[in-house]
Amino acid sequence: MARATNGDWQRHWREVIERQRASGQSIVGFCAKEGLSPASFHAWKRRLRRPRREAGRQAATEALVPVQIVSDPVDGTGNLEVQWPSGVVLLVRGCDAQTVGSVVTALLARPTQRARRC
């Protein structure tokens, strides 16, 4: 018999998870009836959810957003305001072109590459 691939296991557990949802039973009750480990059920449920979240995160970081230039200060400094769709706002006061470039570079960096300091 051929060894099951990861895709086979994913398909199997998606079907199991869907059967549990449709059954109306608790996860523990469903697993007891089916002879499954509740820990395995939860682990596969988390594992199958993860790729969708990561894909959504990647799409959100790569999405184009509208930009509006509010003013053109004469002295070369101004305020930089970045607003995310979630409502989070980053305001940098008295910044120059180099600061704007640094902020944009940091925002475009992958989450694992970003510095965690303020």
PDB file of N, CA and C in Angstrom:
ATOM      1  N   MET A   1       0.845  -1.179   0.000  1.00  0.00           N
ATOM      2  CA  MET A   1       0.000   0.000   0.000  1.00  0.00           C
ATOM      3  C   MET A   1       0.889   1.240   0.000  1.00  0.00           C
ATOM      4  N   ALA A   2       0.542   2.221  -0.807  1.00  0.00           N
ATOM      5  CA  ALA A   2       1.335   3.436  -0.915  1.00  0.00           C
ATOM      6  C   ALA A   2       1.194   4.285   0.353  1.00  0.00           C
ATOM      7  N   ARG A   3       2.257   4.971   0.671  1.00  0.00           N
ATOM      8  CA  ARG A   3       2.265   5.839   1.845  1.00  0.00           C
ATOM      9  C   ARG A   3       1.439   7.101   1.569  1.00  0.00           C
ATOM     10  N   ALA A   4       0.646   7.522   2.535  1.00  0.00           N
ATOM     11  CA  ALA A   4      -0.204   8.710   2.376  1.00  0.00           C
ATOM     12  C   ALA A   4       0.669   9.965   2.322  1.00  0.00           C
ATOM     13  N   THR A   5       0.335  10.852   1.407  1.00  0.00           N
ATOM     14  CA  THR A   5       1.055  12.121   1.294  1.00  0.00           C
ATOM     15  C   THR A   5       0.429  13.145   2.241  1.00  0.00           C
ATOM     16  N   ASN A   6       1.118  14.262   2.402  1.00  0.00           N
ATOM     17  CA  ASN A   6       0.580  15.335   3.240  1.00  0.00           C
ATOM     18  C   ASN A   6      -0.761  15.820   2.693  1.00  0.00           C
ATOM     19  N   GLY A   7      -0.876  15.871   1.366  1.00  0.00           N
ATOM     20  CA  GLY A   7      -2.142  16.285   0.753  1.00  0.00           C
ATOM     21  C   GLY A   7      -3.270  15.319   1.086  1.00  0.00           C
ATOM     22  N   ASP A   8      -2.938  14.007   1.130  1.00  0.00           N
ATOM     23  CA  ASP A   8      -3.944  13.005   1.508  1.00  0.00           C
ATOM     24  C   ASP A   8      -4.415  13.235   2.944  1.00  0.00           C
ATOM     25  N   TRP A   9      -3.452  13.476   3.842  1.00  0.00           N
ATOM     26  CA  TRP A   9      -3.802  13.709   5.245  1.00  0.00           C
ATOM     27  C   TRP A   9      -4.625  14.984   5.392  1.00  0.00           C
ATOM     28  N   GLN A  10      -4.253  16.020   4.663  1.00  0.00           N
ATOM     29  CA  GLN A  10      -5.016  17.273   4.741  1.00  0.00           C
ATOM     30  C   GLN A  10      -6.455  17.053   4.273  1.00  0.00           C
ATOM     31  N   ARG A  11      -6.610  16.354   3.165  1.00  0.00           N
ATOM     32  CA  ARG A  11      -7.950  16.069   2.643  1.00  0.00           C
ATOM     33  C   ARG A  11      -8.756  15.255   3.664  1.00  0.00           C
ATOM     34  N   HIS A  12      -8.120  14.233   4.234  1.00  0.00           N
ATOM     35  CA  HIS A  12      -8.785  13.393   5.237  1.00  0.00           C
ATOM     36  C   HIS A  12      -9.257  14.222   6.427  1.00  0.00           C
ATOM     37  N   TRP A  13      -8.368  15.055   6.977  1.00  0.00           N
ATOM     38  CA  TRP A  13      -8.730  15.815   8.175  1.00  0.00           C
ATOM     39  C   TRP A  13      -9.728  16.929   7.866  1.00  0.00           C
ATOM     40  N   ARG A  14      -9.693  17.478   6.664  1.00  0.00           N
ATOM     41  CA  ARG A  14     -10.723  18.457   6.289  1.00  0.00           C
ATOM     42  C   ARG A  14     -12.099  17.790   6.307  1.00  0.00           C
ATOM     43  N   GLU A  15     -12.153  16.563   5.773  1.00  0.00           N
ATOM     44  CA  GLU A  15     -13.417  15.825   5.776  1.00  0.00           C
ATOM     45  C   GLU A  15     -13.862  15.507   7.200  1.00  0.00           C
ATOM     46  N   VAL A  16     -12.942  15.097   8.051  1.00  0.00           N
ATOM     47  CA  VAL A  16     -13.263  14.786   9.450  1.00  0.00           C
ATOM     48  C   VAL A  16     -13.796  16.034  10.153  1.00  0.00           C
ATOM     49  N   ILE A  17     -13.108  17.155   9.962  1.00  0.00           N
ATOM     50  CA  ILE A  17     -13.511  18.416  10.613  1.00  0.00           C
ATOM     51  C   ILE A  17     -14.893  18.840  10.122  1.00  0.00           C
ATOM     52  N   GLU A  18     -15.141  18.682   8.832  1.00  0.00           N
ATOM     53  CA  GLU A  18     -16.450  19.038   8.286  1.00  0.00           C
ATOM     54  C   GLU A  18     -17.541  18.119   8.836  1.00  0.00           C
ATOM     55  N   ARG A  19     -17.245  16.825   8.957  1.00  0.00           N
ATOM     56  CA  ARG A  19     -18.225  15.888   9.528  1.00  0.00           C
ATOM     57  C   ARG A  19     -18.553  16.262  10.975  1.00  0.00           C
ATOM     58  N   GLN A  20     -17.541  16.682  11.723  1.00  0.00           N
ATOM     59  CA  GLN A  20     -17.783  17.091  13.119  1.00  0.00           C
ATOM     60  C   GLN A  20     -18.687  18.316  13.152  1.00  0.00           C
ATOM     61  N   ARG A  21     -18.407  19.294  12.313  1.00  0.00           N
ATOM     62  CA  ARG A  21     -19.246  20.509  12.274  1.00  0.00           C
ATOM     63  C   ARG A  21     -20.686  20.152  11.943  1.00  0.00           C
ATOM     64  N   ALA A  22     -20.849  19.317  10.927  1.00  0.00           N
ATOM     65  CA  ALA A  22     -22.200  18.943  10.479  1.00  0.00           C
ATOM     66  C   ALA A  22     -22.941  18.091  11.517  1.00  0.00           C
ATOM     67  N   SER A  23     -22.186  17.377  12.347  1.00  0.00           N
ATOM     68  CA  SER A  23     -22.809  16.488  13.327  1.00  0.00           C
ATOM     69  C   SER A  23     -23.500  17.235  14.460  1.00  0.00           C
ATOM     70  N   GLY A  24     -23.047  18.447  14.747  1.00  0.00           N
ATOM     71  CA  GLY A  24     -23.595  19.200  15.860  1.00  0.00           C
ATOM     72  C   GLY A  24     -23.075  18.733  17.208  1.00  0.00           C
ATOM     73  N   GLN A  25     -22.191  17.747  17.212  1.00  0.00           N
ATOM     74  CA  GLN A  25     -21.610  17.239  18.452  1.00  0.00           C
ATOM     75  C   GLN A  25     -20.406  18.079  18.856  1.00  0.00           C
ATOM     76  N   SER A  26     -20.070  17.990  20.123  1.00  0.00           N
ATOM     77  CA  SER A  26     -18.839  18.622  20.580  1.00  0.00           C
ATOM     78  C   SER A  26     -17.664  17.865  19.966  1.00  0.00           C
ATOM     79  N   ILE A  27     -16.508  18.508  19.938  1.00  0.00           N
ATOM     80  CA  ILE A  27     -15.316  17.856  19.397  1.00  0.00           C
ATOM     81  C   ILE A  27     -14.984  16.612  20.210  1.00  0.00           C
ATOM     82  N   VAL A  28     -15.050  16.713  21.530  1.00  0.00           N
ATOM     83  CA  VAL A  28     -14.729  15.567  22.389  1.00  0.00           C
ATOM     84  C   VAL A  28     -15.698  14.412  22.131  1.00  0.00           C
ATOM     85  N   GLY A  29     -16.991  14.705  22.062  1.00  0.00           N
ATOM     86  CA  GLY A  29     -17.991  13.673  21.812  1.00  0.00           C
ATOM     87  C   GLY A  29     -17.829  13.040  20.439  1.00  0.00           C
ATOM     88  N   PHE A  30     -17.596  13.874  19.425  1.00  0.00           N
ATOM     89  CA  PHE A  30     -17.399  13.366  18.070  1.00  0.00           C
ATOM     90  C   PHE A  30     -16.169  12.469  17.997  1.00  0.00           C
ATOM     91  N   CYS A  31     -15.062  12.929  18.598  1.00  0.00           N
ATOM     92  CA  CYS A  31     -13.823  12.145  18.565  1.00  0.00           C
ATOM     93  C   CYS A  31     -13.984  10.810  19.288  1.00  0.00           C
ATOM     94  N   ALA A  32     -14.702  10.801  20.405  1.00  0.00           N
ATOM     95  CA  ALA A  32     -14.932   9.548  21.140  1.00  0.00           C
ATOM     96  C   ALA A  32     -15.712   8.569  20.266  1.00  0.00           C
ATOM     97  N   LYS A  33     -16.729   9.066  19.598  1.00  0.00           N
ATOM     98  CA  LYS A  33     -17.563   8.214  18.733  1.00  0.00           C
ATOM     99  C   LYS A  33     -16.761   7.691  17.544  1.00  0.00           C
ATOM    100  N   GLU A  34     -15.876   8.517  16.993  1.00  0.00           N
ATOM    101  CA  GLU A  34     -15.108   8.152  15.800  1.00  0.00           C
ATOM    102  C   GLU A  34     -13.792   7.434  16.126  1.00  0.00           C
ATOM    103  N   GLY A  35     -13.453   7.372  17.419  1.00  0.00           N
ATOM    104  CA  GLY A  35     -12.192   6.730  17.801  1.00  0.00           C
ATOM    105  C   GLY A  35     -10.982   7.581  17.473  1.00  0.00           C
ATOM    106  N   LEU A  36     -11.144   8.909  17.559  1.00  0.00           N
ATOM    107  CA  LEU A  36     -10.061   9.847  17.248  1.00  0.00           C
ATOM    108  C   LEU A  36      -9.569  10.525  18.517  1.00  0.00           C
ATOM    109  N   SER A  37      -8.364  10.989  18.472  1.00  0.00           N
ATOM    110  CA  SER A  37      -7.799  11.748  19.581  1.00  0.00           C
ATOM    111  C   SER A  37      -8.237  13.215  19.454  1.00  0.00           C
ATOM    112  N   PRO A  38      -8.864  13.777  20.493  1.00  0.00           N
ATOM    113  CA  PRO A  38      -9.228  15.202  20.436  1.00  0.00           C
ATOM    114  C   PRO A  38      -8.005  16.092  20.221  1.00  0.00           C
ATOM    115  N   ALA A  39      -6.856  15.705  20.785  1.00  0.00           N
ATOM    116  CA  ALA A  39      -5.635  16.504  20.599  1.00  0.00           C
ATOM    117  C   ALA A  39      -5.235  16.530  19.124  1.00  0.00           C
ATOM    118  N   SER A  40      -5.318  15.382  18.450  1.00  0.00           N
ATOM    119  CA  SER A  40      -4.999  15.335  17.018  1.00  0.00           C
ATOM    120  C   SER A  40      -6.000  16.166  16.219  1.00  0.00           C
ATOM    121  N   PHE A  41      -7.270  16.067  16.599  1.00  0.00           N
ATOM    122  CA  PHE A  41      -8.313  16.839  15.920  1.00  0.00           C
ATOM    123  C   PHE A  41      -7.991  18.334  15.996  1.00  0.00           C
ATOM    124  N   HIS A  42      -7.702  18.823  17.210  1.00  0.00           N
ATOM    125  CA  HIS A  42      -7.390  20.254  17.388  1.00  0.00           C
ATOM    126  C   HIS A  42      -6.116  20.640  16.645  1.00  0.00           C
ATOM    127  N   ALA A  43      -5.105  19.765  16.691  1.00  0.00           N
ATOM    128  CA  ALA A  43      -3.841  20.074  16.000  1.00  0.00           C
ATOM    129  C   ALA A  43      -4.061  20.206  14.499  1.00  0.00           C
ATOM    130  N   TRP A  44      -4.826  19.304  13.914  1.00  0.00           N
ATOM    131  CA  TRP A  44      -5.092  19.384  12.481  1.00  0.00           C
ATOM    132  C   TRP A  44      -5.979  20.579  12.138  1.00  0.00           C
ATOM    133  N   LYS A  45      -6.895  20.891  13.007  1.00  0.00           N
ATOM    134  CA  LYS A  45      -7.754  22.055  12.764  1.00  0.00           C
ATOM    135  C   LYS A  45      -6.909  23.335  12.717  1.00  0.00           C
ATOM    136  N   ARG A  46      -5.966  23.458  13.674  1.00  0.00           N
ATOM    137  CA  ARG A  46      -5.057  24.613  13.670  1.00  0.00           C
ATOM    138  C   ARG A  46      -4.167  24.601  12.428  1.00  0.00           C
ATOM    139  N   ARG A  47      -3.631  23.434  12.126  1.00  0.00           N
ATOM    140  CA  ARG A  47      -2.708  23.314  10.996  1.00  0.00           C
ATOM    141  C   ARG A  47      -3.391  23.676   9.678  1.00  0.00           C
ATOM    142  N   LEU A  48      -4.618  23.276   9.496  1.00  0.00           N
ATOM    143  CA  LEU A  48      -5.331  23.557   8.254  1.00  0.00           C
ATOM    144  C   LEU A  48      -5.791  25.012   8.161  1.00  0.00           C
ATOM    145  N   ARG A  49      -5.922  25.668   9.291  1.00  0.00           N
ATOM    146  CA  ARG A  49      -6.282  27.091   9.301  1.00  0.00           C
ATOM    147  C   ARG A  49      -5.086  27.973   8.979  1.00  0.00           C
ATOM    148  N   ARG A  50      -3.891  27.570   9.382  1.00  0.00           N
ATOM    149  CA  ARG A  50      -2.678  28.386   9.278  1.00  0.00           C
ATOM    150  C   ARG A  50      -2.377  28.904   7.876  1.00  0.00           C
ATOM    151  N   PRO A  51      -2.390  28.077   6.823  1.00  0.00           N
ATOM    152  CA  PRO A  51      -2.050  28.599   5.499  1.00  0.00           C
ATOM    153  C   PRO A  51      -2.956  29.738   5.043  1.00  0.00           C
ATOM    154  N   ARG A  52      -4.244  29.670   5.395  1.00  0.00           N
ATOM    155  CA  ARG A  52      -5.147  30.746   4.992  1.00  0.00           C
ATOM    156  C   ARG A  52      -4.783  32.053   5.665  1.00  0.00           C
ATOM    157  N   ARG A  53      -4.441  31.992   6.965  1.00  0.00           N
ATOM    158  CA  ARG A  53      -4.056  33.208   7.672  1.00  0.00           C
ATOM    159  C   ARG A  53      -2.784  33.796   7.090  1.00  0.00           C
ATOM    160  N   GLU A  54      -1.786  32.943   6.796  1.00  0.00           N
ATOM    161  CA  GLU A  54      -0.532  33.432   6.245  1.00  0.00           C
ATOM    162  C   GLU A  54      -0.745  34.032   4.861  1.00  0.00           C
ATOM    163  N   ALA A  55      -1.601  33.431   4.036  1.00  0.00           N
ATOM    164  CA  ALA A  55      -1.891  33.966   2.718  1.00  0.00           C
ATOM    165  C   ALA A  55      -2.576  35.324   2.842  1.00  0.00           C
ATOM    166  N   GLY A  56      -3.513  35.439   3.796  1.00  0.00           N
ATOM    167  CA  GLY A  56      -4.182  36.720   4.025  1.00  0.00           C
ATOM    168  C   GLY A  56      -3.219  37.784   4.498  1.00  0.00           C
ATOM    169  N   ARG A  57      -2.299  37.410   5.374  1.00  0.00           N
ATOM    170  CA  ARG A  57      -1.292  38.343   5.878  1.00  0.00           C
ATOM    171  C   ARG A  57      -0.401  38.820   4.739  1.00  0.00           C
ATOM    172  N   GLN A  58       0.016  37.891   3.868  1.00  0.00           N
ATOM    173  CA  GLN A  58       0.877  38.251   2.758  1.00  0.00           C
ATOM    174  C   GLN A  58       0.136  39.178   1.800  1.00  0.00           C
ATOM    175  N   ALA A  59      -1.123  38.877   1.493  1.00  0.00           N
ATOM    176  CA  ALA A  59      -1.906  39.720   0.596  1.00  0.00           C
ATOM    177  C   ALA A  59      -2.081  41.109   1.178  1.00  0.00           C
ATOM    178  N   ALA A  60      -2.283  41.198   2.482  1.00  0.00           N
ATOM    179  CA  ALA A  60      -2.462  42.505   3.123  1.00  0.00           C
ATOM    180  C   ALA A  60      -1.199  43.338   3.046  1.00  0.00           C
ATOM    181  N   THR A  61      -0.020  42.718   3.155  1.00  0.00           N
ATOM    182  CA  THR A  61       1.221  43.490   3.118  1.00  0.00           C
ATOM    183  C   THR A  61       1.591  43.882   1.707  1.00  0.00           C
ATOM    184  N   GLU A  62       1.074  43.168   0.707  1.00  0.00           N
ATOM    185  CA  GLU A  62       1.412  43.467  -0.672  1.00  0.00           C
ATOM    186  C   GLU A  62       0.352  44.309  -1.383  1.00  0.00           C
ATOM    187  N   ALA A  63      -0.731  44.621  -0.702  1.00  0.00           N
ATOM    188  CA  ALA A  63      -1.815  45.367  -1.329  1.00  0.00           C
ATOM    189  C   ALA A  63      -1.427  46.825  -1.553  1.00  0.00           C
ATOM    190  N   LEU A  64      -1.895  47.381  -2.643  1.00  0.00           N
ATOM    191  CA  LEU A  64      -1.687  48.799  -2.915  1.00  0.00           C
ATOM    192  C   LEU A  64      -2.752  49.591  -2.176  1.00  0.00           C
ATOM    193  N   VAL A  65      -2.363  50.717  -1.647  1.00  0.00           N
ATOM    194  CA  VAL A  65      -3.301  51.563  -0.926  1.00  0.00           C
ATOM    195  C   VAL A  65      -3.201  52.982  -1.473  1.00  0.00           C
ATOM    196  N   PRO A  66      -4.302  53.729  -1.401  1.00  0.00           N
ATOM    197  CA  PRO A  66      -4.255  55.101  -1.898  1.00  0.00           C
ATOM    198  C   PRO A  66      -3.379  55.978  -1.001  1.00  0.00           C
ATOM    199  N   VAL A  67      -2.681  56.915  -1.636  1.00  0.00           N
ATOM    200  CA  VAL A  67      -1.812  57.843  -0.919  1.00  0.00           C
ATOM    201  C   VAL A  67      -2.228  59.253  -1.300  1.00  0.00           C
ATOM    202  N   GLN A  68      -2.261  60.123  -0.317  1.00  0.00           N
ATOM    203  CA  GLN A  68      -2.614  61.511  -0.574  1.00  0.00           C
ATOM    204  C   GLN A  68      -1.534  62.401   0.014  1.00  0.00           C
ATOM    205  N   ILE A  69      -0.969  63.302  -0.809  1.00  0.00           N
ATOM    206  CA  ILE A  69       0.019  64.258  -0.316  1.00  0.00           C
ATOM    207  C   ILE A  69      -0.755  65.448   0.237  1.00  0.00           C
ATOM    208  N   VAL A  70      -0.566  65.700   1.539  1.00  0.00           N
ATOM    209  CA  VAL A  70      -1.354  66.718   2.208  1.00  0.00           C
ATOM    210  C   VAL A  70      -0.697  68.088   2.098  1.00  0.00           C
ATOM    211  N   SER A  71       0.613  68.163   2.208  1.00  0.00           N
ATOM    212  CA  SER A  71       1.284  69.459   2.112  1.00  0.00           C
ATOM    213  C   SER A  71       2.677  69.268   1.528  1.00  0.00           C
ATOM    214  N   ASP A  72       3.250  70.371   1.091  1.00  0.00           N
ATOM    215  CA  ASP A  72       4.604  70.366   0.547  1.00  0.00           C
ATOM    216  C   ASP A  72       5.387  71.449   1.281  1.00  0.00           C
ATOM    217  N   PRO A  73       5.947  71.102   2.461  1.00  0.00           N
ATOM    218  CA  PRO A  73       6.614  72.114   3.264  1.00  0.00           C
ATOM    219  C   PRO A  73       7.840  72.702   2.553  1.00  0.00           C
ATOM    220  N   VAL A  74       8.047  73.975   2.778  1.00  0.00           N
ATOM    221  CA  VAL A  74       9.144  74.703   2.140  1.00  0.00           C
ATOM    222  C   VAL A  74      10.494  74.293   2.719  1.00  0.00           C
ATOM    223  N   ASP A  75      10.577  74.043   4.019  1.00  0.00           N
ATOM    224  CA  ASP A  75      11.870  73.746   4.649  1.00  0.00           C
ATOM    225  C   ASP A  75      12.324  72.302   4.481  1.00  0.00           C
ATOM    226  N   GLY A  76      11.538  71.466   3.801  1.00  0.00           N
ATOM    227  CA  GLY A  76      11.949  70.089   3.558  1.00  0.00           C
ATOM    228  C   GLY A  76      11.594  69.117   4.665  1.00  0.00           C
ATOM    229  N   THR A  77      10.933  69.588   5.719  1.00  0.00           N
ATOM    230  CA  THR A  77      10.495  68.672   6.775  1.00  0.00           C
ATOM    231  C   THR A  77       8.988  68.734   6.879  1.00  0.00           C
ATOM    232  N   GLY A  78       8.424  67.715   7.431  1.00  0.00           N
ATOM    233  CA  GLY A  78       6.977  67.687   7.573  1.00  0.00           C
ATOM    234  C   GLY A  78       6.558  66.534   8.453  1.00  0.00           C
ATOM    235  N   ASN A  79       5.313  66.183   8.384  1.00  0.00           N
ATOM    236  CA  ASN A  79       4.767  65.079   9.163  1.00  0.00           C
ATOM    237  C   ASN A  79       4.418  63.931   8.222  1.00  0.00           C
ATOM    238  N   LEU A  80       4.681  62.733   8.667  1.00  0.00           N
ATOM    239  CA  LEU A  80       4.341  61.539   7.917  1.00  0.00           C
ATOM    240  C   LEU A  80       3.272  60.808   8.702  1.00  0.00           C
ATOM    241  N   GLU A  81       2.161  60.509   8.048  1.00  0.00           N
ATOM    242  CA  GLU A  81       1.081  59.771   8.697  1.00  0.00           C
ATOM    243  C   GLU A  81       0.730  58.573   7.834  1.00  0.00           C
ATOM    244  N   VAL A  82       0.768  57.381   8.433  1.00  0.00           N
ATOM    245  CA  VAL A  82       0.402  56.145   7.740  1.00  0.00           C
ATOM    246  C   VAL A  82      -0.776  55.558   8.498  1.00  0.00           C
ATOM    247  N   GLN A  83      -1.856  55.282   7.770  1.00  0.00           N
ATOM    248  CA  GLN A  83      -3.042  54.695   8.395  1.00  0.00           C
ATOM    249  C   GLN A  83      -3.352  53.367   7.713  1.00  0.00           C
ATOM    250  N   TRP A  84      -3.461  52.299   8.537  1.00  0.00           N
ATOM    251  CA  TRP A  84      -3.801  50.976   8.041  1.00  0.00           C
ATOM    252  C   TRP A  84      -5.312  50.833   8.000  1.00  0.00           C
ATOM    253  N   PRO A  85      -5.812  49.913   7.162  1.00  0.00           N
ATOM    254  CA  PRO A  85      -7.257  49.688   7.095  1.00  0.00           C
ATOM    255  C   PRO A  85      -7.867  49.319   8.447  1.00  0.00           C
ATOM    256  N   SER A  86      -7.080  48.747   9.342  1.00  0.00           N
ATOM    257  CA  SER A  86      -7.587  48.375  10.665  1.00  0.00           C
ATOM    258  C   SER A  86      -7.812  49.594  11.555  1.00  0.00           C
ATOM    259  N   GLY A  87      -7.319  50.764  11.120  1.00  0.00           N
ATOM    260  CA  GLY A  87      -7.481  51.974  11.900  1.00  0.00           C
ATOM    261  C   GLY A  87      -6.230  52.397  12.647  1.00  0.00           C
ATOM    262  N   VAL A  88      -5.191  51.571  12.660  1.00  0.00           N
ATOM    263  CA  VAL A  88      -3.939  51.915  13.323  1.00  0.00           C
ATOM    264  C   VAL A  88      -3.278  53.039  12.548  1.00  0.00           C
ATOM    265  N   VAL A  89      -2.801  54.050  13.266  1.00  0.00           N
ATOM    266  CA  VAL A  89      -2.170  55.212  12.644  1.00  0.00           C
ATOM    267  C   VAL A  89      -0.757  55.378  13.194  1.00  0.00           C
ATOM    268  N   LEU A  90       0.204  55.599  12.292  1.00  0.00           N
ATOM    269  CA  LEU A  90       1.578  55.916  12.671  1.00  0.00           C
ATOM    270  C   LEU A  90       1.825  57.352  12.245  1.00  0.00           C
ATOM    271  N   LEU A  91       2.198  58.218  13.179  1.00  0.00           N
ATOM    272  CA  LEU A  91       2.457  59.620  12.886  1.00  0.00           C
ATOM    273  C   LEU A  91       3.894  59.934  13.261  1.00  0.00           C
ATOM    274  N   VAL A  92       4.671  60.407  12.269  1.00  0.00           N
ATOM    275  CA  VAL A  92       6.058  60.815  12.500  1.00  0.00           C
ATOM    276  C   VAL A  92       6.125  62.308  12.214  1.00  0.00           C
ATOM    277  N   ARG A  93       6.466  63.094  13.239  1.00  0.00           N
ATOM    278  CA  ARG A  93       6.501  64.558  13.083  1.00  0.00           C
ATOM    279  C   ARG A  93       7.914  65.040  12.756  1.00  0.00           C
ATOM    280  N   GLY A  94       7.984  66.079  11.948  1.00  0.00           N
ATOM    281  CA  GLY A  94       9.267  66.701  11.626  1.00  0.00           C
ATOM    282  C   GLY A  94      10.214  65.782  10.878  1.00  0.00           C
ATOM    283  N   CYS A  95       9.705  65.062   9.899  1.00  0.00           N
ATOM    284  CA  CYS A  95      10.563  64.116   9.188  1.00  0.00           C
ATOM    285  C   CYS A  95      11.010  64.683   7.845  1.00  0.00           C
ATOM    286  N   ASP A  96      12.143  64.184   7.386  1.00  0.00           N
ATOM    287  CA  ASP A  96      12.669  64.571   6.085  1.00  0.00           C
ATOM    288  C   ASP A  96      12.544  63.382   5.129  1.00  0.00           C
ATOM    289  N   ALA A  97      13.015  63.540   3.906  1.00  0.00           N
ATOM    290  CA  ALA A  97      12.887  62.485   2.902  1.00  0.00           C
ATOM    291  C   ALA A  97      13.585  61.196   3.336  1.00  0.00           C
ATOM    292  N   GLN A  98      14.720  61.311   4.000  1.00  0.00           N
ATOM    293  CA  GLN A  98      15.444  60.129   4.451  1.00  0.00           C
ATOM    294  C   GLN A  98      14.616  59.353   5.489  1.00  0.00           C
ATOM    295  N   THR A  99      13.982  60.077   6.400  1.00  0.00           N
ATOM    296  CA  THR A  99      13.144  59.438   7.408  1.00  0.00           C
ATOM    297  C   THR A  99      11.963  58.734   6.755  1.00  0.00           C
ATOM    298  N   VAL A 100      11.336  59.402   5.796  1.00  0.00           N
ATOM    299  CA  VAL A 100      10.212  58.795   5.073  1.00  0.00           C
ATOM    300  C   VAL A 100      10.676  57.505   4.413  1.00  0.00           C
ATOM    301  N   GLY A 101      11.835  57.541   3.762  1.00  0.00           N
ATOM    302  CA  GLY A 101      12.374  56.347   3.111  1.00  0.00           C
ATOM    303  C   GLY A 101      12.630  55.227   4.098  1.00  0.00           C
ATOM    304  N   SER A 102      13.176  55.568   5.258  1.00  0.00           N
ATOM    305  CA  SER A 102      13.445  54.549   6.282  1.00  0.00           C
ATOM    306  C   SER A 102      12.156  53.926   6.804  1.00  0.00           C
ATOM    307  N   VAL A 103      11.145  54.756   7.032  1.00  0.00           N
ATOM    308  CA  VAL A 103       9.865  54.253   7.530  1.00  0.00           C
ATOM    309  C   VAL A 103       9.216  53.340   6.488  1.00  0.00           C
ATOM    310  N   VAL A 104       9.205  53.761   5.233  1.00  0.00           N
ATOM    311  CA  VAL A 104       8.604  52.947   4.173  1.00  0.00           C
ATOM    312  C   VAL A 104       9.350  51.629   4.029  1.00  0.00           C
ATOM    313  N   THR A 105      10.674  51.664   4.079  1.00  0.00           N
ATOM    314  CA  THR A 105      11.467  50.434   3.991  1.00  0.00           C
ATOM    315  C   THR A 105      11.136  49.497   5.146  1.00  0.00           C
ATOM    316  N   ALA A 106      11.022  50.032   6.346  1.00  0.00           N
ATOM    317  CA  ALA A 106      10.695  49.204   7.515  1.00  0.00           C
ATOM    318  C   ALA A 106       9.299  48.614   7.401  1.00  0.00           C
ATOM    319  N   LEU A 107       8.346  49.386   6.884  1.00  0.00           N
ATOM    320  CA  LEU A 107       6.975  48.893   6.753  1.00  0.00           C
ATOM    321  C   LEU A 107       6.862  47.802   5.692  1.00  0.00           C
ATOM    322  N   LEU A 108       7.704  47.885   4.672  1.00  0.00           N
ATOM    323  CA  LEU A 108       7.658  46.889   3.606  1.00  0.00           C
ATOM    324  C   LEU A 108       8.442  45.628   3.929  1.00  0.00           C
ATOM    325  N   ALA A 109       9.279  45.679   4.979  1.00  0.00           N
ATOM    326  CA  ALA A 109      10.078  44.522   5.358  1.00  0.00           C
ATOM    327  C   ALA A 109       9.165  43.396   5.815  1.00  0.00           C
ATOM    328  N   ARG A 110       9.628  42.186   5.647  1.00  0.00           N
ATOM    329  CA  ARG A 110       8.861  41.029   6.133  1.00  0.00           C
ATOM    330  C   ARG A 110       8.757  41.133   7.645  1.00  0.00           C
ATOM    331  N   PRO A 111       7.636  40.653   8.229  1.00  0.00           N
ATOM    332  CA  PRO A 111       7.439  40.757   9.676  1.00  0.00           C
ATOM    333  C   PRO A 111       8.589  40.173  10.498  1.00  0.00           C
ATOM    334  N   THR A 112       9.227  39.109  10.015  1.00  0.00           N
ATOM    335  CA  THR A 112      10.316  38.498  10.776  1.00  0.00           C
ATOM    336  C   THR A 112      11.584  39.332  10.721  1.00  0.00           C
ATOM    337  N   GLN A 113      11.661  40.273   9.768  1.00  0.00           N
ATOM    338  CA  GLN A 113      12.849  41.089   9.626  1.00  0.00           C
ATOM    339  C   GLN A 113      12.717  42.441  10.325  1.00  0.00           C
ATOM    340  N   ARG A 114      11.522  42.772  10.768  1.00  0.00           N
ATOM    341  CA  ARG A 114      11.302  44.072  11.391  1.00  0.00           C
ATOM    342  C   ARG A 114      11.923  44.129  12.775  1.00  0.00           C
ATOM    343  N   ALA A 115      12.447  45.287  13.098  1.00  0.00           N
ATOM    344  CA  ALA A 115      12.945  45.497  14.463  1.00  0.00           C
ATOM    345  C   ALA A 115      11.748  45.615  15.397  1.00  0.00           C
ATOM    346  N   ARG A 116      11.885  45.164  16.591  1.00  0.00           N
ATOM    347  CA  ARG A 116      10.776  45.179  17.551  1.00  0.00           C
ATOM    348  C   ARG A 116      10.905  46.334  18.543  1.00  0.00           C
ATOM    349  N   ARG A 117      11.689  47.333  18.230  1.00  0.00           N
ATOM    350  CA  ARG A 117      11.861  48.435  19.176  1.00  0.00           C
ATOM    351  C   ARG A 117      11.137  49.668  18.670  1.00  0.00           C
ATOM    352  N   CYS A 118      10.860  50.576  19.566  1.00  0.00           N
ATOM    353  CA  CYS A 118      10.156  51.812  19.219  1.00  0.00           C
ATOM    354  C   CYS A 118      11.106  52.978  19.285  1.00  0.00           C
TER     355      CYS A 118
END
